[in-house]
Amino acid sequence: MSNKLITAIFFLFISACFIKCNQSNKVQKARTNSSLTNNGLKDYYSNYFPIGVAVAPRNLKSDEVPLILSQFNSLTPENAMKMGPIHPKENQYYWADADSIVAFAPAVPITGACAST
């Protein structure tokens, strides 16, 4: 065999090894990144401040619940606890929507706040 052919084979072998090594590193990085995504925003900022979300009763009965539980540790009702929805007419009160949000909070370690406007 000629020196040029041996040199070409050598460089092909080294290139193949480099590519394989690089692919292994990418797989390892992907595995590491996927393990990091198991934490939500609430976990990354737990030492600084709560991460909140505004919810309506419909959010707590949908496929959004896993997202809410994994990413947030503070709930604020969108409109359910405002005066209009709770007290629409004189001598008439509607607590069902507000109660459903309050009932959801103790099921998980979530704090809550009420909007006053």
Protein backbone atom coordinates (compact mmCIF):
# COMPACT_ATOMS: atom_id res chain seq x y z
CA MET A 1 0.00 0.00 0.00
CA SER A 2 1.11 3.48 -0.69
CA ASN A 3 1.76 6.07 1.99
CA LYS A 4 -1.09 8.22 0.66
CA LEU A 5 -3.58 5.37 1.06
CA ILE A 6 -2.38 4.57 4.59
CA THR A 7 -2.57 8.24 5.52
CA ALA A 8 -6.12 8.52 4.10
CA ILE A 9 -7.25 5.41 6.01
CA PHE A 10 -5.66 6.75 9.19
CA PHE A 11 -7.50 10.10 8.88
CA LEU A 12 -10.79 8.32 8.11
CA PHE A 13 -10.34 6.19 11.23
CA ILE A 14 -9.51 9.22 13.41
CA SER A 15 -12.49 11.12 11.95
CA ALA A 16 -14.84 8.21 12.66
CA CYS A 17 -13.59 8.04 16.26
CA PHE A 18 -14.04 11.78 16.70
CA ILE A 19 -17.59 11.68 15.31
CA LYS A 20 -18.53 8.75 17.55
CA CYS A 21 -17.07 10.50 20.60
CA ASN A 22 -18.92 13.72 19.74
CA GLN A 23 -22.22 11.84 19.38
CA SER A 24 -21.70 10.19 22.77
CA ASN A 25 -21.15 13.61 24.34
CA LYS A 26 -24.35 14.93 22.76
CA VAL A 27 -26.34 11.98 24.10
CA GLN A 28 -24.87 12.52 27.58
CA LYS A 29 -25.68 16.24 27.44
CA ALA A 30 -29.24 15.47 26.33
CA ARG A 31 -29.66 13.09 29.27
CA THR A 32 -28.32 15.70 31.67
CA ASN A 33 -30.58 18.41 30.25
CA SER A 34 -33.64 16.16 30.45
CA SER A 35 -32.95 15.50 34.13
CA LEU A 36 -32.75 19.26 34.70
CA THR A 37 -36.16 19.78 33.11
CA ASN A 38 -37.77 17.73 35.86
CA ASN A 39 -37.53 20.87 37.99
CA GLY A 40 -39.89 23.74 37.40
CA LEU A 41 -39.44 27.48 37.71
CA LYS A 42 -40.69 27.23 41.27
CA ASP A 43 -37.76 24.96 42.12
CA TYR A 44 -35.08 27.14 40.54
CA TYR A 45 -36.27 30.31 42.29
CA SER A 46 -37.47 28.77 45.57
CA ASN A 47 -34.80 30.62 47.57
CA TYR A 48 -35.77 33.99 46.12
CA PHE A 49 -39.51 34.39 45.57
CA PRO A 50 -42.66 32.41 44.72
CA ILE A 51 -43.55 31.82 41.07
CA GLY A 52 -47.23 32.48 40.54
CA VAL A 53 -49.96 31.82 38.05
CA ALA A 54 -53.44 33.29 37.64
CA VAL A 55 -56.05 30.57 37.36
CA ALA A 56 -59.72 30.14 36.64
CA PRO A 57 -61.73 27.10 37.73
CA ARG A 58 -61.55 25.72 34.18
CA ASN A 59 -57.72 25.60 34.45
CA LEU A 60 -57.98 23.31 37.45
CA LYS A 61 -60.13 20.79 35.58
CA SER A 62 -58.03 20.54 32.43
CA ASP A 63 -54.76 19.17 31.16
CA GLU A 64 -53.10 22.35 32.50
CA VAL A 65 -53.01 20.92 36.06
CA PRO A 66 -49.66 19.08 35.62
CA LEU A 67 -48.09 22.28 34.27
CA ILE A 68 -49.46 24.31 37.19
CA LEU A 69 -48.21 21.78 39.75
CA SER A 70 -44.76 21.41 38.21
CA GLN A 71 -43.96 25.08 37.50
CA PHE A 72 -45.75 27.23 40.08
CA ASN A 73 -46.02 27.53 43.86
CA SER A 74 -48.42 30.45 44.12
CA LEU A 75 -51.99 30.78 42.83
CA THR A 76 -54.02 33.91 42.17
CA PRO A 77 -57.64 33.68 41.00
CA GLU A 78 -58.19 35.44 37.69
CA ASN A 79 -61.71 36.71 38.34
CA ALA A 80 -63.40 34.17 40.59
CA MET A 81 -62.81 36.19 43.78
CA LYS A 82 -63.67 39.59 42.43
CA MET A 83 -66.81 41.28 43.70
CA GLY A 84 -68.72 41.03 40.41
CA PRO A 85 -68.66 37.24 40.07
CA ILE A 86 -69.14 36.63 43.82
CA HIS A 87 -71.95 39.17 44.39
CA PRO A 88 -73.69 39.74 41.03
CA LYS A 89 -76.98 41.06 42.53
CA GLU A 90 -78.33 42.29 45.81
CA ASN A 91 -78.88 39.33 48.18
CA GLN A 92 -77.28 36.94 45.69
CA TYR A 93 -73.87 35.33 46.18
CA TYR A 94 -72.01 32.84 44.02
CA TRP A 95 -69.09 31.14 45.76
CA ALA A 96 -68.68 27.98 43.66
CA ASP A 97 -65.83 29.23 41.42
CA ALA A 98 -63.92 30.80 44.32
CA ASP A 99 -64.42 27.69 46.45
CA SER A 100 -63.07 25.42 43.70
CA ILE A 101 -59.81 27.40 43.58
CA VAL A 102 -59.49 27.45 47.37
CA ALA A 103 -60.15 23.67 47.45
CA PHE A 104 -57.36 23.04 44.93
CA ALA A 105 -54.61 24.87 46.87
CA PRO A 106 -54.31 22.55 49.93
CA ALA A 107 -53.82 19.51 47.70
CA VAL A 108 -50.33 20.79 46.87
CA PRO A 109 -47.79 23.06 48.60
CA ILE A 110 -49.09 26.23 46.98
CA THR A 111 -49.68 29.63 48.52
CA GLY A 112 -52.39 31.91 47.25
CA ALA A 113 -53.33 35.54 46.88
CA CYS A 114 -56.53 37.33 45.97
CA ALA A 115 -56.84 40.21 43.54
CA SER A 116 -58.70 43.22 44.91
CA THR A 117 -59.60 44.89 41.62
